N, C-alpha and C. Protein backbone atom coordinates (compact mmCIF):
# COMPACT_ATOMS: atom_id res chain seq x y z
N MET A 1 38.61 112.36 -24.37
CA MET A 1 39.40 112.95 -23.28
C MET A 1 40.81 112.39 -23.33
N ASN A 2 41.78 113.23 -23.08
CA ASN A 2 43.17 112.79 -23.19
C ASN A 2 43.77 112.39 -21.85
N GLY A 3 43.02 112.39 -20.77
CA GLY A 3 43.51 111.89 -19.51
C GLY A 3 44.41 112.81 -18.73
N ARG A 4 44.31 114.11 -18.97
CA ARG A 4 45.12 115.05 -18.19
C ARG A 4 44.36 116.37 -18.04
N VAL A 5 44.75 117.11 -17.02
CA VAL A 5 44.16 118.41 -16.76
C VAL A 5 45.27 119.45 -16.83
N VAL A 6 45.05 120.49 -17.60
CA VAL A 6 46.02 121.58 -17.71
C VAL A 6 45.75 122.56 -16.57
N LEU A 7 46.74 122.73 -15.70
CA LEU A 7 46.60 123.65 -14.58
C LEU A 7 46.95 125.08 -14.98
N GLU A 8 47.94 125.24 -15.86
CA GLU A 8 48.41 126.57 -16.25
C GLU A 8 49.21 126.48 -17.53
N ARG A 9 49.23 127.58 -18.29
CA ARG A 9 50.01 127.69 -19.53
C ARG A 9 51.01 128.83 -19.38
N PHE A 10 52.21 128.62 -19.91
CA PHE A 10 53.25 129.65 -19.86
C PHE A 10 53.88 129.77 -21.24
N PRO A 11 54.03 130.98 -21.77
CA PRO A 11 54.67 131.14 -23.08
C PRO A 11 56.12 130.66 -23.03
N ALA A 12 56.57 130.09 -24.13
CA ALA A 12 57.93 129.54 -24.18
C ALA A 12 58.99 130.63 -24.23
N GLY A 13 58.65 131.82 -24.61
CA GLY A 13 59.64 132.89 -24.77
C GLY A 13 59.86 133.73 -23.54
N GLY A 14 59.96 133.11 -22.39
CA GLY A 14 60.18 133.86 -21.16
C GLY A 14 61.58 134.42 -21.06
N PRO A 15 61.83 135.28 -20.08
CA PRO A 15 63.17 135.85 -19.91
C PRO A 15 64.22 134.78 -19.63
N ARG A 16 65.43 135.02 -20.08
CA ARG A 16 66.52 134.07 -19.87
C ARG A 16 66.72 133.82 -18.38
N GLY A 17 66.84 132.55 -18.04
CA GLY A 17 67.05 132.16 -16.65
C GLY A 17 65.77 132.07 -15.84
N SER A 18 64.65 132.36 -16.47
CA SER A 18 63.36 132.29 -15.79
C SER A 18 62.66 131.00 -16.18
N TRP A 19 62.16 130.27 -15.21
CA TRP A 19 61.48 129.00 -15.45
C TRP A 19 60.12 129.01 -14.75
N PRO A 20 59.20 129.88 -15.15
CA PRO A 20 57.93 130.00 -14.42
C PRO A 20 57.10 128.72 -14.41
N ALA A 21 57.11 127.97 -15.50
CA ALA A 21 56.32 126.73 -15.53
C ALA A 21 56.88 125.72 -14.53
N GLU A 22 58.20 125.58 -14.49
CA GLU A 22 58.83 124.65 -13.54
C GLU A 22 58.58 125.08 -12.10
N GLU A 23 58.64 126.38 -11.85
CA GLU A 23 58.40 126.88 -10.50
C GLU A 23 56.94 126.63 -10.09
N PHE A 24 56.00 126.87 -11.00
CA PHE A 24 54.59 126.64 -10.72
C PHE A 24 54.36 125.16 -10.43
N ALA A 25 54.93 124.29 -11.26
CA ALA A 25 54.78 122.84 -11.06
C ALA A 25 55.38 122.40 -9.73
N ARG A 26 56.55 122.93 -9.39
CA ARG A 26 57.18 122.59 -8.11
C ARG A 26 56.27 122.98 -6.94
N ASN A 27 55.67 124.15 -7.02
CA ASN A 27 54.77 124.59 -5.95
C ASN A 27 53.55 123.68 -5.85
N ARG A 28 53.02 123.22 -6.98
CA ARG A 28 51.88 122.30 -6.96
C ARG A 28 52.28 120.96 -6.36
N ARG A 29 53.51 120.49 -6.70
CA ARG A 29 53.98 119.22 -6.13
C ARG A 29 54.15 119.34 -4.62
N GLN A 30 54.61 120.49 -4.14
CA GLN A 30 54.74 120.70 -2.70
C GLN A 30 53.37 120.67 -2.02
N GLU A 31 52.31 121.00 -2.77
CA GLU A 31 50.94 120.94 -2.24
C GLU A 31 50.34 119.53 -2.37
N GLY A 32 51.09 118.61 -2.98
CA GLY A 32 50.63 117.23 -3.09
C GLY A 32 50.05 116.84 -4.44
N GLN A 33 50.05 117.76 -5.41
CA GLN A 33 49.56 117.42 -6.75
C GLN A 33 50.73 116.89 -7.58
N PRO A 34 50.52 115.82 -8.35
CA PRO A 34 51.60 115.28 -9.18
C PRO A 34 51.77 116.07 -10.48
N ALA A 35 52.07 117.34 -10.37
CA ALA A 35 52.17 118.23 -11.54
C ALA A 35 53.48 117.99 -12.29
N GLU A 36 53.41 118.15 -13.60
CA GLU A 36 54.60 118.06 -14.44
C GLU A 36 54.47 119.05 -15.58
N VAL A 37 55.59 119.36 -16.19
CA VAL A 37 55.64 120.33 -17.28
C VAL A 37 55.83 119.58 -18.60
N VAL A 38 55.01 119.95 -19.58
CA VAL A 38 55.14 119.41 -20.93
C VAL A 38 55.15 120.58 -21.91
N MET A 39 55.70 120.35 -23.09
CA MET A 39 55.76 121.38 -24.12
C MET A 39 54.66 121.14 -25.13
N ASP A 40 53.87 122.17 -25.42
CA ASP A 40 52.88 122.13 -26.48
C ASP A 40 53.49 122.84 -27.68
N LEU A 41 54.00 122.07 -28.63
CA LEU A 41 54.69 122.65 -29.78
C LEU A 41 53.75 123.48 -30.66
N ALA A 42 52.50 123.07 -30.76
CA ALA A 42 51.55 123.79 -31.61
C ALA A 42 51.33 125.22 -31.14
N SER A 43 51.30 125.43 -29.83
CA SER A 43 51.07 126.78 -29.32
C SER A 43 52.34 127.44 -28.78
N ASP A 44 53.48 126.75 -28.87
CA ASP A 44 54.76 127.25 -28.37
C ASP A 44 54.63 127.69 -26.91
N ALA A 45 54.10 126.78 -26.09
CA ALA A 45 53.89 127.08 -24.68
C ALA A 45 54.21 125.86 -23.83
N PHE A 46 54.60 126.14 -22.59
CA PHE A 46 54.78 125.08 -21.61
C PHE A 46 53.48 124.94 -20.84
N LEU A 47 53.03 123.70 -20.65
CA LEU A 47 51.81 123.42 -19.92
C LEU A 47 52.16 122.70 -18.63
N VAL A 48 51.56 123.12 -17.55
CA VAL A 48 51.68 122.39 -16.29
C VAL A 48 50.44 121.52 -16.21
N ILE A 49 50.65 120.21 -16.17
CA ILE A 49 49.53 119.27 -16.22
C ILE A 49 49.55 118.32 -15.03
N VAL A 50 48.39 117.72 -14.80
CA VAL A 50 48.24 116.60 -13.87
C VAL A 50 47.61 115.49 -14.68
N ARG A 51 48.26 114.34 -14.74
CA ARG A 51 47.74 113.20 -15.50
C ARG A 51 46.64 112.49 -14.72
N ALA A 52 45.75 111.86 -15.45
CA ALA A 52 44.71 111.04 -14.83
C ALA A 52 45.39 109.88 -14.09
N PRO A 53 44.81 109.39 -13.01
CA PRO A 53 45.45 108.33 -12.22
C PRO A 53 45.79 107.08 -13.01
N ASN A 54 45.01 106.73 -14.04
CA ASN A 54 45.28 105.50 -14.78
C ASN A 54 46.18 105.71 -15.98
N GLU A 55 46.61 106.93 -16.25
CA GLU A 55 47.50 107.19 -17.39
C GLU A 55 48.95 107.13 -16.92
N THR A 56 49.79 106.48 -17.69
CA THR A 56 51.20 106.37 -17.33
C THR A 56 52.04 107.17 -18.31
N LYS A 57 53.23 107.51 -17.89
CA LYS A 57 54.16 108.21 -18.76
C LYS A 57 54.67 107.24 -19.82
N PRO A 58 54.92 107.74 -21.04
CA PRO A 58 55.52 106.86 -22.04
C PRO A 58 56.92 106.47 -21.63
N MET A 59 57.29 105.25 -21.91
CA MET A 59 58.62 104.77 -21.54
C MET A 59 59.64 105.25 -22.56
N ALA A 60 60.82 105.56 -22.07
CA ALA A 60 61.91 105.97 -22.95
C ALA A 60 62.41 104.74 -23.71
N PRO A 61 62.82 104.94 -24.96
CA PRO A 61 63.32 103.80 -25.73
C PRO A 61 64.61 103.25 -25.10
N ALA A 62 64.78 101.96 -25.21
CA ALA A 62 65.98 101.33 -24.67
C ALA A 62 67.19 101.72 -25.50
N ALA A 63 68.29 101.93 -24.84
CA ALA A 63 69.51 102.35 -25.54
C ALA A 63 70.27 101.17 -26.08
């Protein structure tokens, strides 16, 4: 198990100026779910996910 649940998938080729994955994630966050958007390069899709409580985000490299 990879420690996350995919709530929804959105194709990357949406209309210009349209951000359906971000809008979906924002609505889930307003409902209290810690949703975030990640890119699945293999399927060329944006995934709205919720991470497992014990999984942390990778840290950005120091500049």
